Amino acid sequence: MRLTETDLELVAALQEDGRASFESLAGRVGLSRKAVRSRVLRLIADGVVRVVATVRPDFDGIHANAYLSVSVIGARRDEIARTLAEQDEAVFVSIVAGQASVVAEIRTTDLGRVRDLVDRLRGTDGVAAVETIVYTDVVKEPHLPPPLTTGGAAPAIDQTDRTLVDLLRRDGRASYAELAAHVGLSAAATRARVRHLLDCGVARIVTLVNPTKLGRSVMTGFALDLDGPAPDVLARIGEIAAVDFLARTLGSADAVGTIVTTTTEDTIAVLDRIGTLAGVAGLRSWTHLRLVQERYGAPGA
């Protein structure tokens, strides 16, 4: 699919508000509601964007996050990437250029499940080695809901709320009328429930963009060795707009992150900026060649 400037403007608008109405999107790009609806549905059908609800990790009992770097023997890269993508715990899988061939982000209930997945992966034909880095603190994450606004106490959630969240994790743009038909409430009552779930930080509607489909994004992963106070240097790195994700970690690196830019030159400039910060003792990076999976909606979906 060849994207026009109007398509790109619609993508940007959906990233700002995944549930923006077709009317408001039409006003932004200067087209009719019918034309905008057709374009948005095509962007979704072609895999350029996905609009989904994400939830706090504890909503699903998630208490362990890890980053896997997989070295592959011979030409088994695509097969290993597909195998990883089939695992319920793998929310992100990408083929990369660098020391590893495939990287993945794992989200699961506990470190024992991470270990079991790594053991299975190491026993897979074609896997030469698996490097595991465990997250201890997420510094910057574009997909998670904002912090709770209830003074730290988790809001009460009933089965109707959970049903609404599950529906939105499949389709973050589902209308209130469609959602209401599933839960047996009025559209107004359903809207109030959804707004409460979003406002109190249980869920968040996000627009996931496939950079390889977008055609003009360069995605680069990096790992850091630190020799200074981690919170200070990581806070400075997190303030860099091109840094899309950043986590403090245990293992072969003190932190891992992702940079998204529009050109290779921009990526080099950001890496140079990070590598020369006080407190950064070492930096290594890898280039994402093809996104295999990005699944921040319902587990296993």
C-alpha atoms as a PDB file:
ATOM      1  CA  MET A   1       0.000   0.000   0.000  1.00  0.00           C
ATOM      2  CA  ARG A   2       1.378   3.369  -1.004  1.00  0.00           C
ATOM      3  CA  LEU A   3       0.668   5.969   1.666  1.00  0.00           C
ATOM      4  CA  THR A   4      -0.270   9.506   0.734  1.00  0.00           C
ATOM      5  CA  GLU A   5       0.325  12.604   2.832  1.00  0.00           C
ATOM      6  CA  THR A   6      -3.339  12.436   3.834  1.00  0.00           C
ATOM      7  CA  ASP A   7      -2.858   8.852   5.021  1.00  0.00           C
ATOM      8  CA  LEU A   8       0.144   9.905   7.078  1.00  0.00           C
ATOM      9  CA  GLU A   9      -1.841  12.771   8.589  1.00  0.00           C
ATOM     10  CA  LEU A  10      -4.599  10.324   9.541  1.00  0.00           C
ATOM     11  CA  VAL A  11      -2.031   8.015  11.143  1.00  0.00           C
ATOM     12  CA  ALA A  12      -0.691  10.939  13.182  1.00  0.00           C
ATOM     13  CA  ALA A  13      -4.220  11.906  14.251  1.00  0.00           C
ATOM     14  CA  LEU A  14      -5.000   8.343  15.332  1.00  0.00           C
ATOM     15  CA  GLN A  15      -1.789   8.239  17.352  1.00  0.00           C
ATOM     16  CA  GLU A  16      -3.035  11.310  19.217  1.00  0.00           C
ATOM     17  CA  ASP A  17      -6.521   9.852  19.749  1.00  0.00           C
ATOM     18  CA  GLY A  18      -7.247   6.315  18.622  1.00  0.00           C
ATOM     19  CA  ARG A  19     -10.991   6.789  19.178  1.00  0.00           C
ATOM     20  CA  ALA A  20     -11.251  10.090  17.310  1.00  0.00           C
ATOM     21  CA  SER A  21     -14.527  10.193  15.386  1.00  0.00           C
ATOM     22  CA  PHE A  22     -14.567  10.020  11.609  1.00  0.00           C
ATOM     23  CA  GLU A  23     -16.142  13.488  11.664  1.00  0.00           C
ATOM     24  CA  SER A  24     -13.234  14.999  13.585  1.00  0.00           C
ATOM     25  CA  LEU A  25     -10.698  13.189  11.406  1.00  0.00           C
ATOM     26  CA  ALA A  26     -12.501  14.470   8.303  1.00  0.00           C
ATOM     27  CA  GLY A  27     -12.280  18.023   9.609  1.00  0.00           C
ATOM     28  CA  ARG A  28      -8.557  17.604  10.187  1.00  0.00           C
ATOM     29  CA  VAL A  29      -7.678  16.373   6.697  1.00  0.00           C
ATOM     30  CA  GLY A  30     -10.339  18.219   4.709  1.00  0.00           C
ATOM     31  CA  LEU A  31     -12.157  15.184   3.292  1.00  0.00           C
ATOM     32  CA  SER A  32     -15.694  13.860   3.668  1.00  0.00           C
ATOM     33  CA  ARG A  33     -16.577  11.548   6.536  1.00  0.00           C
ATOM     34  CA  LYS A  34     -17.199   8.726   4.029  1.00  0.00           C
ATOM     35  CA  ALA A  35     -13.778   9.175   2.396  1.00  0.00           C
ATOM     36  CA  VAL A  36     -11.991   9.279   5.767  1.00  0.00           C
ATOM     37  CA  ARG A  37     -13.828   6.192   7.006  1.00  0.00           C
ATOM     38  CA  SER A  38     -12.724   4.301   3.898  1.00  0.00           C
ATOM     39  CA  ARG A  39      -9.099   5.406   4.328  1.00  0.00           C
ATOM     40  CA  VAL A  40      -8.964   4.523   8.035  1.00  0.00           C
ATOM     41  CA  LEU A  41     -10.481   1.078   7.462  1.00  0.00           C
ATOM     42  CA  ARG A  42      -7.953   0.483   4.667  1.00  0.00           C
ATOM     43  CA  LEU A  43      -5.054   1.505   6.947  1.00  0.00           C
ATOM     44  CA  ILE A  44      -6.276  -1.018   9.512  1.00  0.00           C
ATOM     45  CA  ALA A  45      -6.967  -3.791   6.979  1.00  0.00           C
ATOM     46  CA  ASP A  46      -3.515  -3.373   5.391  1.00  0.00           C
ATOM     47  CA  GLY A  47      -1.790  -3.627   8.769  1.00  0.00           C
ATOM     48  CA  VAL A  48      -0.437  -0.085   8.772  1.00  0.00           C
ATOM     49  CA  VAL A  49      -2.141   0.676  12.103  1.00  0.00           C
ATOM     50  CA  ARG A  50      -3.978  -1.192  14.823  1.00  0.00           C
ATOM     51  CA  VAL A  51      -6.114   0.620  17.387  1.00  0.00           C
ATOM     52  CA  VAL A  52      -6.378  -1.419  20.589  1.00  0.00           C
ATOM     53  CA  ALA A  53      -6.780  -1.045  24.321  1.00  0.00           C
ATOM     54  CA  THR A  54      -3.775  -1.826  26.494  1.00  0.00           C
ATOM     55  CA  VAL A  55      -4.064  -2.466  30.219  1.00  0.00           C
ATOM     56  CA  ARG A  56      -1.936  -2.234  33.324  1.00  0.00           C
ATOM     57  CA  PRO A  57       0.235  -5.368  33.508  1.00  0.00           C
ATOM     58  CA  ASP A  58      -1.278  -6.466  36.842  1.00  0.00           C
ATOM     59  CA  PHE A  59      -4.724  -6.557  35.175  1.00  0.00           C
ATOM     60  CA  ASP A  60      -3.502  -9.735  33.447  1.00  0.00           C
ATOM     61  CA  GLY A  61      -1.323 -10.886  36.344  1.00  0.00           C
ATOM     62  CA  ILE A  62       1.849  -9.811  34.520  1.00  0.00           C
ATOM     63  CA  HIS A  63       4.766  -9.386  36.922  1.00  0.00           C
ATOM     64  CA  ALA A  64       7.803 -10.306  34.788  1.00  0.00           C
ATOM     65  CA  ASN A  65       9.154  -8.596  31.667  1.00  0.00           C
ATOM     66  CA  ALA A  66      12.258  -9.620  29.746  1.00  0.00           C
ATOM     67  CA  TYR A  67      14.078  -8.890  26.497  1.00  0.00           C
ATOM     68  CA  LEU A  68      15.436 -11.843  24.523  1.00  0.00           C
ATOM     69  CA  SER A  69      18.177 -11.669  21.897  1.00  0.00           C
ATOM     70  CA  VAL A  70      18.324 -14.858  19.831  1.00  0.00           C
ATOM     71  CA  SER A  71      21.321 -15.911  17.728  1.00  0.00           C
ATOM     72  CA  VAL A  72      20.334 -18.225  14.891  1.00  0.00           C
ATOM     73  CA  ILE A  73      22.312 -20.845  12.970  1.00  0.00           C
ATOM     74  CA  GLY A  74      22.140 -20.682   9.195  1.00  0.00           C
ATOM     75  CA  ALA A  75      18.983 -19.546   7.411  1.00  0.00           C
ATOM     76  CA  ARG A  76      16.493 -20.386  10.191  1.00  0.00           C
ATOM     77  CA  ARG A  77      15.894 -16.749  11.164  1.00  0.00           C
ATOM     78  CA  ASP A  78      12.338 -16.405   9.820  1.00  0.00           C
ATOM     79  CA  GLU A  79      11.298 -19.775  11.221  1.00  0.00           C
ATOM     80  CA  ILE A  80      12.629 -18.928  14.688  1.00  0.00           C
ATOM     81  CA  ALA A  81      10.908 -15.534  14.596  1.00  0.00           C
ATOM     82  CA  ARG A  82       7.588 -17.187  13.727  1.00  0.00           C
ATOM     83  CA  THR A  83       8.063 -19.733  16.513  1.00  0.00           C
ATOM     84  CA  LEU A  84       8.628 -16.935  19.005  1.00  0.00           C
ATOM     85  CA  ALA A  85       5.621 -14.989  17.721  1.00  0.00           C
ATOM     86  CA  GLU A  86       3.403 -18.002  18.423  1.00  0.00           C
ATOM     87  CA  GLN A  87       4.218 -17.849  22.138  1.00  0.00           C
ATOM     88  CA  ASP A  88       1.530 -16.154  24.230  1.00  0.00           C
ATOM     89  CA  GLU A  89       4.230 -14.449  26.306  1.00  0.00           C
ATOM     90  CA  ALA A  90       5.830 -12.716  23.302  1.00  0.00           C
ATOM     91  CA  VAL A  91       4.288  -9.269  22.790  1.00  0.00           C
ATOM     92  CA  PHE A  92       6.983  -8.029  20.402  1.00  0.00           C
ATOM     93  CA  VAL A  93       9.127  -9.970  17.916  1.00  0.00           C
ATOM     94  CA  SER A  94      11.458  -8.456  15.326  1.00  0.00           C
ATOM     95  CA  ILE A  95      14.127  -9.605  12.892  1.00  0.00           C
ATOM     96  CA  VAL A  96      17.248  -7.493  13.396  1.00  0.00           C
ATOM     97  CA  ALA A  97      20.718  -6.820  12.064  1.00  0.00           C
ATOM     98  CA  GLY A  98      23.439  -7.107  14.663  1.00  0.00           C
ATOM     99  CA  GLN A  99      24.952  -9.767  16.882  1.00  0.00           C
ATOM    100  CA  ALA A 100      21.532 -11.421  17.258  1.00  0.00           C
ATOM    101  CA  SER A 101      19.128 -12.356  14.477  1.00  0.00           C
ATOM    102  CA  VAL A 102      15.819 -12.058  16.347  1.00  0.00           C
ATOM    103  CA  VAL A 103      14.749 -10.061  19.402  1.00  0.00           C
ATOM    104  CA  ALA A 104      11.589 -10.362  21.473  1.00  0.00           C
ATOM    105  CA  GLU A 105       9.903  -8.727  24.432  1.00  0.00           C
ATOM    106  CA  ILE A 106       8.368 -11.171  26.893  1.00  0.00           C
ATOM    107  CA  ARG A 107       5.575 -10.352  29.339  1.00  0.00           C
ATOM    108  CA  THR A 108       4.377 -13.102  31.668  1.00  0.00           C
ATOM    109  CA  THR A 109       3.314 -13.911  35.208  1.00  0.00           C
ATOM    110  CA  ASP A 110       6.686 -14.610  36.807  1.00  0.00           C
ATOM    111  CA  LEU A 111      10.369 -15.222  36.141  1.00  0.00           C
ATOM    112  CA  GLY A 112       9.805 -18.979  36.209  1.00  0.00           C
ATOM    113  CA  ARG A 113       7.701 -18.661  33.070  1.00  0.00           C
ATOM    114  CA  VAL A 114      10.446 -16.589  31.432  1.00  0.00           C
ATOM    115  CA  ARG A 115      12.969 -19.328  32.280  1.00  0.00           C
ATOM    116  CA  ASP A 116      10.690 -22.037  30.853  1.00  0.00           C
ATOM    117  CA  LEU A 117      10.265 -20.110  27.598  1.00  0.00           C
ATOM    118  CA  VAL A 118      14.018 -19.556  27.289  1.00  0.00           C
ATOM    119  CA  ASP A 119      14.661 -23.262  27.940  1.00  0.00           C
ATOM    120  CA  ARG A 120      12.193 -24.234  25.202  1.00  0.00           C
ATOM    121  CA  LEU A 121      13.729 -21.744  22.827  1.00  0.00           C
ATOM    122  CA  ARG A 122      17.252 -23.004  23.463  1.00  0.00           C
ATOM    123  CA  GLY A 123      16.066 -26.498  22.587  1.00  0.00           C
ATOM    124  CA  THR A 124      14.705 -25.354  19.218  1.00  0.00           C
ATOM    125  CA  ASP A 125      16.620 -26.448  16.111  1.00  0.00           C
ATOM    126  CA  GLY A 126      18.540 -23.537  14.662  1.00  0.00           C
ATOM    127  CA  VAL A 127      18.915 -21.552  17.906  1.00  0.00           C
ATOM    128  CA  ALA A 128      22.584 -21.006  18.767  1.00  0.00           C
ATOM    129  CA  ALA A 129      22.169 -18.862  21.894  1.00  0.00           C
ATOM    130  CA  VAL A 130      19.596 -16.836  23.830  1.00  0.00           C
ATOM    131  CA  GLU A 131      20.572 -13.760  25.840  1.00  0.00           C
ATOM    132  CA  THR A 132      18.029 -12.791  28.502  1.00  0.00           C
ATOM    133  CA  ILE A 133      17.754  -9.313  30.038  1.00  0.00           C
ATOM    134  CA  VAL A 134      15.147  -8.826  32.783  1.00  0.00           C
ATOM    135  CA  TYR A 135      13.371  -5.499  33.252  1.00  0.00           C
ATOM    136  CA  THR A 136      13.412  -4.055  36.755  1.00  0.00           C
ATOM    137  CA  ASP A 137      11.831  -0.653  36.027  1.00  0.00           C
ATOM    138  CA  VAL A 138      10.144   0.694  32.908  1.00  0.00           C
ATOM    139  CA  VAL A 139      11.282   4.297  32.440  1.00  0.00           C
ATOM    140  CA  LYS A 140       9.415   5.115  29.214  1.00  0.00           C
ATOM    141  CA  GLU A 141       6.681   3.044  27.593  1.00  0.00           C
ATOM    142  CA  PRO A 142       4.263   4.434  24.985  1.00  0.00           C
ATOM    143  CA  HIS A 143       1.761   1.590  25.263  1.00  0.00           C
ATOM    144  CA  LEU A 144       0.980   1.386  28.983  1.00  0.00           C
ATOM    145  CA  PRO A 145      -1.893   3.328  30.584  1.00  0.00           C
ATOM    146  CA  PRO A 146      -0.976   6.428  32.607  1.00  0.00           C
ATOM    147  CA  PRO A 147      -0.456   6.056  36.374  1.00  0.00           C
ATOM    148  CA  LEU A 148      -3.501   5.371  38.516  1.00  0.00           C
ATOM    149  CA  THR A 149      -5.443   8.431  39.574  1.00  0.00           C
ATOM    150  CA  THR A 150      -7.019   6.723  42.586  1.00  0.00           C
ATOM    151  CA  GLY A 151      -4.263   7.438  45.097  1.00  0.00           C
ATOM    152  CA  GLY A 152      -2.494   4.178  44.332  1.00  0.00           C
ATOM    153  CA  ALA A 153      -5.486   1.938  45.105  1.00  0.00           C
ATOM    154  CA  ALA A 154      -6.676  -0.207  42.221  1.00  0.00           C
ATOM    155  CA  PRO A 155     -10.243   0.694  41.166  1.00  0.00           C
ATOM    156  CA  ALA A 156     -12.989  -1.882  41.607  1.00  0.00           C
ATOM    157  CA  ILE A 157     -13.473  -3.898  38.426  1.00  0.00           C
ATOM    158  CA  ASP A 158     -16.469  -6.149  37.749  1.00  0.00           C
ATOM    159  CA  GLN A 159     -17.124  -8.660  34.987  1.00  0.00           C
ATOM    160  CA  THR A 160     -18.827  -6.070  32.780  1.00  0.00           C
ATOM    161  CA  ASP A 161     -15.705  -3.904  32.959  1.00  0.00           C
ATOM    162  CA  ARG A 162     -13.516  -6.879  32.045  1.00  0.00           C
ATOM    163  CA  THR A 163     -15.749  -7.709  29.085  1.00  0.00           C
ATOM    164  CA  LEU A 164     -15.510  -4.124  27.844  1.00  0.00           C
ATOM    165  CA  VAL A 165     -11.717  -4.159  28.190  1.00  0.00           C
ATOM    166  CA  ASP A 166     -11.473  -7.454  26.279  1.00  0.00           C
ATOM    167  CA  LEU A 167     -13.652  -6.073  23.466  1.00  0.00           C
ATOM    168  CA  LEU A 168     -11.554  -2.912  23.243  1.00  0.00           C
ATOM    169  CA  ARG A 169      -8.346  -4.937  23.195  1.00  0.00           C
ATOM    170  CA  ARG A 170      -9.632  -6.520  19.988  1.00  0.00           C
ATOM    171  CA  ASP A 171     -10.921  -3.258  18.497  1.00  0.00           C
ATOM    172  CA  GLY A 172     -10.123   0.006  20.208  1.00  0.00           C
ATOM    173  CA  ARG A 173     -12.437   1.890  17.818  1.00  0.00           C
ATOM    174  CA  ALA A 174     -15.541  -0.212  18.500  1.00  0.00           C
ATOM    175  CA  SER A 175     -18.520   2.124  18.897  1.00  0.00           C
ATOM    176  CA  TYR A 176     -20.323   2.512  22.205  1.00  0.00           C
ATOM    177  CA  ALA A 177     -23.421   1.021  20.570  1.00  0.00           C
ATOM    178  CA  GLU A 178     -21.434  -2.071  19.513  1.00  0.00           C
ATOM    179  CA  LEU A 179     -19.927  -2.424  22.970  1.00  0.00           C
ATOM    180  CA  ALA A 180     -23.316  -1.918  24.637  1.00  0.00           C
ATOM    181  CA  ALA A 181     -24.823  -4.760  22.612  1.00  0.00           C
ATOM    182  CA  HIS A 182     -22.271  -7.157  24.135  1.00  0.00           C
ATOM    183  CA  VAL A 183     -22.713  -6.129  27.778  1.00  0.00           C
ATOM    184  CA  GLY A 184     -26.454  -5.409  27.933  1.00  0.00           C
ATOM    185  CA  LEU A 185     -26.171  -1.739  28.914  1.00  0.00           C
ATOM    186  CA  SER A 186     -27.283   1.439  27.187  1.00  0.00           C
ATOM    187  CA  ALA A 187     -24.785   3.224  24.960  1.00  0.00           C
ATOM    188  CA  ALA A 188     -24.641   6.077  27.489  1.00  0.00           C
ATOM    189  CA  ALA A 189     -23.950   3.729  30.415  1.00  0.00           C
ATOM    190  CA  THR A 190     -21.339   1.901  28.351  1.00  0.00           C
ATOM    191  CA  ARG A 191     -19.630   5.156  27.452  1.00  0.00           C
ATOM    192  CA  ALA A 192     -19.500   6.126  31.147  1.00  0.00           C
ATOM    193  CA  ARG A 193     -17.929   2.762  32.022  1.00  0.00           C
ATOM    194  CA  VAL A 194     -15.327   3.017  29.267  1.00  0.00           C
ATOM    195  CA  ARG A 195     -14.439   6.603  30.207  1.00  0.00           C
ATOM    196  CA  HIS A 196     -13.985   5.514  33.836  1.00  0.00           C
ATOM    197  CA  LEU A 197     -11.676   2.647  32.820  1.00  0.00           C
ATOM    198  CA  LEU A 198      -9.584   5.034  30.727  1.00  0.00           C
ATOM    199  CA  ASP A 199      -9.572   7.940  33.189  1.00  0.00           C
ATOM    200  CA  CYS A 200      -8.551   5.885  36.221  1.00  0.00           C
ATOM    201  CA  GLY A 201      -5.684   4.181  34.366  1.00  0.00           C
ATOM    202  CA  VAL A 202      -7.009   0.646  33.995  1.00  0.00           C
ATOM    203  CA  ALA A 203      -6.832   0.832  30.202  1.00  0.00           C
ATOM    204  CA  ARG A 204      -5.554   3.059  27.438  1.00  0.00           C
ATOM    205  CA  ILE A 205      -6.471   3.246  23.753  1.00  0.00           C
ATOM    206  CA  VAL A 206      -3.313   3.247  21.627  1.00  0.00           C
ATOM    207  CA  THR A 207      -2.616   3.238  17.902  1.00  0.00           C
ATOM    208  CA  LEU A 208       0.119   0.764  17.040  1.00  0.00           C
ATOM    209  CA  VAL A 209       1.952   1.711  13.850  1.00  0.00           C
ATOM    210  CA  ASN A 210       3.932  -0.835  11.855  1.00  0.00           C
ATOM    211  CA  PRO A 211       7.065   1.127  10.880  1.00  0.00           C
ATOM    212  CA  THR A 212       7.912  -1.249   8.053  1.00  0.00           C
ATOM    213  CA  LYS A 213       4.459  -0.602   6.544  1.00  0.00           C
ATOM    214  CA  LEU A 214       4.785   3.138   7.137  1.00  0.00           C
ATOM    215  CA  GLY A 215       7.878   3.143   4.989  1.00  0.00           C
ATOM    216  CA  ARG A 216       9.746   6.016   6.572  1.00  0.00           C
ATOM    217  CA  SER A 217      10.570   5.017  10.141  1.00  0.00           C
ATOM    218  CA  VAL A 218      13.924   3.648  11.274  1.00  0.00           C
ATOM    219  CA  MET A 219      13.705   1.535  14.440  1.00  0.00           C
ATOM    220  CA  THR A 220      16.886   0.847  16.395  1.00  0.00           C
ATOM    221  CA  GLY A 221      17.383  -1.040  19.646  1.00  0.00           C
ATOM    222  CA  PHE A 222      20.151  -0.254  22.106  1.00  0.00           C
ATOM    223  CA  ALA A 223      21.650  -1.618  25.305  1.00  0.00           C
ATOM    224  CA  LEU A 224      23.630   0.397  27.845  1.00  0.00           C
ATOM    225  CA  ASP A 225      26.314  -0.199  30.421  1.00  0.00           C
ATOM    226  CA  LEU A 226      26.199   2.487  33.124  1.00  0.00           C
ATOM    227  CA  ASP A 227      28.810   3.732  35.573  1.00  0.00           C
ATOM    228  CA  GLY A 228      26.768   6.487  37.215  1.00  0.00           C
ATOM    229  CA  PRO A 229      23.486   6.744  39.125  1.00  0.00           C
ATOM    230  CA  ALA A 230      21.033   4.967  36.835  1.00  0.00           C
ATOM    231  CA  PRO A 231      17.922   7.054  37.648  1.00  0.00           C
ATOM    232  CA  ASP A 232      19.701  10.280  36.693  1.00  0.00           C
ATOM    233  CA  VAL A 233      21.097   9.182  33.342  1.00  0.00           C
ATOM    234  CA  LEU A 234      18.001   7.203  32.387  1.00  0.00           C
ATOM    235  CA  ALA A 235      15.784  10.184  33.121  1.00  0.00           C
ATOM    236  CA  ARG A 236      17.867  12.263  30.713  1.00  0.00           C
ATOM    237  CA  ILE A 237      17.675   9.562  28.040  1.00  0.00           C
ATOM    238  CA  GLY A 238      13.929   9.238  28.505  1.00  0.00           C
ATOM    239  CA  GLU A 239      13.511  12.942  27.750  1.00  0.00           C
ATOM    240  CA  ILE A 240      14.878  12.437  24.212  1.00  0.00           C
ATOM    241  CA  ALA A 241      11.845  12.497  21.908  1.00  0.00           C
ATOM    242  CA  ALA A 242      13.203   9.803  19.564  1.00  0.00           C
ATOM    243  CA  VAL A 243      13.573   7.333  22.446  1.00  0.00           C
ATOM    244  CA  ASP A 244      10.332   5.364  22.178  1.00  0.00           C
ATOM    245  CA  PHE A 245      10.983   2.837  24.961  1.00  0.00           C
ATOM    246  CA  LEU A 246      13.437   2.586  27.846  1.00  0.00           C
ATOM    247  CA  ALA A 247      13.788   0.148  30.745  1.00  0.00           C
ATOM    248  CA  ARG A 248      16.276  -0.436  33.536  1.00  0.00           C
ATOM    249  CA  THR A 249      17.440  -4.042  33.475  1.00  0.00           C
ATOM    250  CA  LEU A 250      19.417  -6.850  35.073  1.00  0.00           C
ATOM    251  CA  GLY A 251      21.698  -9.101  33.053  1.00  0.00           C
ATOM    252  CA  SER A 252      24.212  -8.309  30.350  1.00  0.00           C
ATOM    253  CA  ALA A 253      23.037  -4.680  30.203  1.00  0.00           C
ATOM    254  CA  ASP A 254      21.951  -2.049  32.717  1.00  0.00           C
ATOM    255  CA  ALA A 255      19.267  -0.659  30.398  1.00  0.00           C
ATOM    256  CA  VAL A 256      17.643  -1.382  27.039  1.00  0.00           C
ATOM    257  CA  GLY A 257      15.658   0.896  24.791  1.00  0.00           C
ATOM    258  CA  THR A 258      14.297   1.616  21.346  1.00  0.00           C
ATOM    259  CA  ILE A 259      14.818   4.636  19.104  1.00  0.00           C
ATOM    260  CA  VAL A 260      12.393   5.516  16.293  1.00  0.00           C
ATOM    261  CA  THR A 261      13.497   8.127  13.737  1.00  0.00           C
ATOM    262  CA  THR A 262      12.818   9.004  10.116  1.00  0.00           C
ATOM    263  CA  THR A 263      16.396   8.687   8.800  1.00  0.00           C
ATOM    264  CA  THR A 264      19.574   6.775   9.519  1.00  0.00           C
ATOM    265  CA  GLU A 265      21.374  10.071  10.084  1.00  0.00           C
ATOM    266  CA  ASP A 266      18.893  10.989  12.821  1.00  0.00           C
ATOM    267  CA  THR A 267      19.448   7.601  14.444  1.00  0.00           C
ATOM    268  CA  ILE A 268      23.218   8.084  14.464  1.00  0.00           C
ATOM    269  CA  ALA A 269      22.804  11.515  16.046  1.00  0.00           C
ATOM    270  CA  VAL A 270      20.586  10.118  18.826  1.00  0.00           C
ATOM    271  CA  LEU A 271      22.962   7.210  19.507  1.00  0.00           C
ATOM    272  CA  ASP A 272      25.896   9.639  19.678  1.00  0.00           C
ATOM    273  CA  ARG A 273      23.957  11.836  22.079  1.00  0.00           C
ATOM    274  CA  ILE A 274      23.153   8.904  24.355  1.00  0.00           C
ATOM    275  CA  GLY A 275      26.637   7.409  24.176  1.00  0.00           C
ATOM    276  CA  THR A 276      28.307  10.644  25.268  1.00  0.00           C
ATOM    277  CA  LEU A 277      26.091  11.274  28.303  1.00  0.00           C
ATOM    278  CA  ALA A 278      27.811  11.281  31.682  1.00  0.00           C
ATOM    279  CA  GLY A 279      27.147   7.917  33.318  1.00  0.00           C
ATOM    280  CA  VAL A 280      27.045   5.898  30.087  1.00  0.00           C
ATOM    281  CA  ALA A 281      30.036   3.561  29.988  1.00  0.00           C
ATOM    282  CA  GLY A 282      29.078   1.568  26.912  1.00  0.00           C
ATOM    283  CA  LEU A 283      26.449   1.368  24.185  1.00  0.00           C
ATOM    284  CA  ARG A 284      25.656  -1.297  21.615  1.00  0.00           C
ATOM    285  CA  SER A 285      22.841  -1.168  19.085  1.00  0.00           C
ATOM    286  CA  TRP A 286      20.970  -3.211  16.497  1.00  0.00           C
ATOM    287  CA  THR A 287      18.700  -2.296  13.589  1.00  0.00           C
ATOM    288  CA  HIS A 288      15.163  -3.652  13.273  1.00  0.00           C
ATOM    289  CA  LEU A 289      14.739  -5.003   9.754  1.00  0.00           C
ATOM    290  CA  ARG A 290      11.237  -6.476   9.866  1.00  0.00           C
ATOM    291  CA  LEU A 291       8.593  -6.328  12.563  1.00  0.00           C
ATOM    292  CA  VAL A 292       7.127  -9.811  12.949  1.00  0.00           C
ATOM    293  CA  GLN A 293       4.740  -9.150  15.795  1.00  0.00           C
ATOM    294  CA  GLU A 294       3.582  -6.293  17.977  1.00  0.00           C
ATOM    295  CA  ARG A 295       0.812  -7.490  20.255  1.00  0.00           C
ATOM    296  CA  TYR A 296      -0.076  -5.186  23.113  1.00  0.00           C
ATOM    297  CA  GLY A 297      -3.749  -6.060  23.161  1.00  0.00           C
ATOM    298  CA  ALA A 298      -5.344  -9.185  24.585  1.00  0.00           C
ATOM    299  CA  PRO A 299      -2.903 -11.971  25.521  1.00  0.00           C
ATOM    300  CA  GLY A 300      -2.745 -14.581  22.807  1.00  0.00           C
ATOM    301  CA  ALA A 301      -4.720 -12.392  20.390  1.00  0.00           C
END
